[in-house]
Amino acid sequence: MEFVLTRRQVARGARPDAEVANKLYLIKNVSTLHATYQVRLLLYRAISEDKKLIVDVPKHCQLSGPLASLVKENRHHLQIVKS
């Protein structure tokens, strides 16, 4: 994982929308979900803390190719829920 710094050399970060026991929840209301820095950084946190990242998206949401690969590689720590 390559960490990105802002223009003023401050590390970027991401926070989940909710954190319950051993699960991190991220709620996205998008038509297409990509493997963004936010998703990858929260996945890194979930793996390092042995938690599960659950991304909640609308039923009509499409997953990008890189995100689908990321889900397949990390299925024990990343779950996409369409509701």
C-alpha atoms as a PDB file:
ATOM      1  CA  MET A   1       0.000   0.000   0.000  1.00  0.00           C
ATOM      2  CA  GLU A   2       1.402   3.352  -1.016  1.00  0.00           C
ATOM      3  CA  PHE A   3       0.374   6.199   1.250  1.00  0.00           C
ATOM      4  CA  VAL A   4      -0.421   9.505  -0.401  1.00  0.00           C
ATOM      5  CA  LEU A   5       0.452  12.878   1.049  1.00  0.00           C
ATOM      6  CA  THR A   6      -1.460  16.091   0.471  1.00  0.00           C
ATOM      7  CA  ARG A   7       0.067  19.237  -0.973  1.00  0.00           C
ATOM      8  CA  ARG A   8       1.283  20.207   2.500  1.00  0.00           C
ATOM      9  CA  GLN A   9       2.821  16.769   3.171  1.00  0.00           C
ATOM     10  CA  VAL A  10       0.052  15.551   5.487  1.00  0.00           C
ATOM     11  CA  ALA A  11      -0.948  11.903   5.239  1.00  0.00           C
ATOM     12  CA  ARG A  12      -4.443  11.318   3.884  1.00  0.00           C
ATOM     13  CA  GLY A  13      -6.833   9.176   5.848  1.00  0.00           C
ATOM     14  CA  ALA A  14     -10.283   7.629   5.736  1.00  0.00           C
ATOM     15  CA  ARG A  15     -12.870   6.801   8.367  1.00  0.00           C
ATOM     16  CA  PRO A  16     -15.717   4.318   8.106  1.00  0.00           C
ATOM     17  CA  ASP A  17     -19.306   5.496   8.524  1.00  0.00           C
ATOM     18  CA  ALA A  18     -19.771   3.061  11.415  1.00  0.00           C
ATOM     19  CA  GLU A  19     -17.644   0.671  13.423  1.00  0.00           C
ATOM     20  CA  VAL A  20     -19.291  -2.173  15.324  1.00  0.00           C
ATOM     21  CA  ALA A  21     -17.277  -4.907  17.062  1.00  0.00           C
ATOM     22  CA  ASN A  22     -15.126  -6.449  14.332  1.00  0.00           C
ATOM     23  CA  LYS A  23     -16.863  -4.766  11.361  1.00  0.00           C
ATOM     24  CA  LEU A  24     -16.241  -1.487   9.554  1.00  0.00           C
ATOM     25  CA  TYR A  25     -19.195  -0.096   7.575  1.00  0.00           C
ATOM     26  CA  LEU A  26     -18.906   2.214   4.583  1.00  0.00           C
ATOM     27  CA  ILE A  27     -22.135   3.483   3.007  1.00  0.00           C
ATOM     28  CA  LYS A  28     -21.917   4.720  -0.588  1.00  0.00           C
ATOM     29  CA  ASN A  29     -24.823   6.013  -2.695  1.00  0.00           C
ATOM     30  CA  VAL A  30     -23.283   5.714  -6.168  1.00  0.00           C
ATOM     31  CA  SER A  31     -24.204   4.187  -9.520  1.00  0.00           C
ATOM     32  CA  THR A  32     -20.686   2.787 -10.091  1.00  0.00           C
ATOM     33  CA  LEU A  33     -18.282   1.925  -7.291  1.00  0.00           C
ATOM     34  CA  HIS A  34     -14.560   2.040  -8.000  1.00  0.00           C
ATOM     35  CA  ALA A  35     -11.558   0.861  -5.987  1.00  0.00           C
ATOM     36  CA  THR A  36     -10.975   4.352  -4.593  1.00  0.00           C
ATOM     37  CA  TYR A  37      -8.252   5.351  -2.174  1.00  0.00           C
ATOM     38  CA  GLN A  38     -10.910   5.444   0.576  1.00  0.00           C
ATOM     39  CA  VAL A  39     -11.978   1.839  -0.046  1.00  0.00           C
ATOM     40  CA  ARG A  40      -8.388   0.584  -0.345  1.00  0.00           C
ATOM     41  CA  LEU A  41      -7.260   2.407   2.806  1.00  0.00           C
ATOM     42  CA  LEU A  42     -10.207   1.092   4.848  1.00  0.00           C
ATOM     43  CA  LEU A  43      -9.539  -2.406   3.504  1.00  0.00           C
ATOM     44  CA  TYR A  44      -5.903  -2.086   4.601  1.00  0.00           C
ATOM     45  CA  ARG A  45      -7.121  -1.111   8.076  1.00  0.00           C
ATOM     46  CA  ALA A  46      -9.580  -4.019   8.155  1.00  0.00           C
ATOM     47  CA  ILE A  47      -6.845  -6.489   7.205  1.00  0.00           C
ATOM     48  CA  SER A  48      -4.319  -5.106   9.701  1.00  0.00           C
ATOM     49  CA  GLU A  49      -6.878  -5.142  12.550  1.00  0.00           C
ATOM     50  CA  ASP A  50      -8.415  -8.489  11.448  1.00  0.00           C
ATOM     51  CA  LYS A  51     -11.826  -6.900  10.853  1.00  0.00           C
ATOM     52  CA  LYS A  52     -14.310  -7.010   7.972  1.00  0.00           C
ATOM     53  CA  LEU A  53     -15.099  -4.028   5.765  1.00  0.00           C
ATOM     54  CA  ILE A  54     -18.724  -3.997   4.641  1.00  0.00           C
ATOM     55  CA  VAL A  55     -19.561  -1.571   1.838  1.00  0.00           C
ATOM     56  CA  ASP A  56     -23.292  -0.876   1.493  1.00  0.00           C
ATOM     57  CA  VAL A  57     -24.372   0.298  -1.982  1.00  0.00           C
ATOM     58  CA  PRO A  58     -27.736   0.627  -3.816  1.00  0.00           C
ATOM     59  CA  LYS A  59     -29.122  -2.397  -5.688  1.00  0.00           C
ATOM     60  CA  HIS A  60     -28.447  -0.838  -9.089  1.00  0.00           C
ATOM     61  CA  CYS A  61     -24.768  -0.122  -8.339  1.00  0.00           C
ATOM     62  CA  GLN A  62     -22.175  -1.537 -10.736  1.00  0.00           C
ATOM     63  CA  LEU A  63     -18.715  -2.592  -9.529  1.00  0.00           C
ATOM     64  CA  SER A  64     -15.634  -1.583 -11.500  1.00  0.00           C
ATOM     65  CA  GLY A  65     -13.262  -4.287 -12.728  1.00  0.00           C
ATOM     66  CA  PRO A  66     -10.421  -3.448 -10.298  1.00  0.00           C
ATOM     67  CA  LEU A  67     -12.878  -3.397  -7.376  1.00  0.00           C
ATOM     68  CA  ALA A  68     -14.313  -6.790  -8.353  1.00  0.00           C
ATOM     69  CA  SER A  69     -10.752  -8.177  -8.379  1.00  0.00           C
ATOM     70  CA  LEU A  70     -10.090  -6.584  -4.989  1.00  0.00           C
ATOM     71  CA  VAL A  71     -13.224  -8.220  -3.553  1.00  0.00           C
ATOM     72  CA  LYS A  72     -12.208 -11.602  -4.968  1.00  0.00           C
ATOM     73  CA  GLU A  73      -8.668 -11.348  -3.530  1.00  0.00           C
ATOM     74  CA  ASN A  74      -9.846 -10.193  -0.089  1.00  0.00           C
ATOM     75  CA  ARG A  75     -13.183 -11.933   0.376  1.00  0.00           C
ATOM     76  CA  HIS A  76     -12.494 -12.629   4.069  1.00  0.00           C
ATOM     77  CA  HIS A  77     -12.084  -8.921   4.810  1.00  0.00           C
ATOM     78  CA  LEU A  78     -14.240  -7.156   2.181  1.00  0.00           C
ATOM     79  CA  GLN A  79     -17.938  -7.596   1.461  1.00  0.00           C
ATOM     80  CA  ILE A  80     -20.185  -5.583  -0.876  1.00  0.00           C
ATOM     81  CA  VAL A  81     -23.845  -5.487   0.199  1.00  0.00           C
ATOM     82  CA  LYS A  82     -26.483  -4.270  -2.255  1.00  0.00           C
ATOM     83  CA  SER A  83     -29.578  -2.996  -0.466  1.00  0.00           C
END
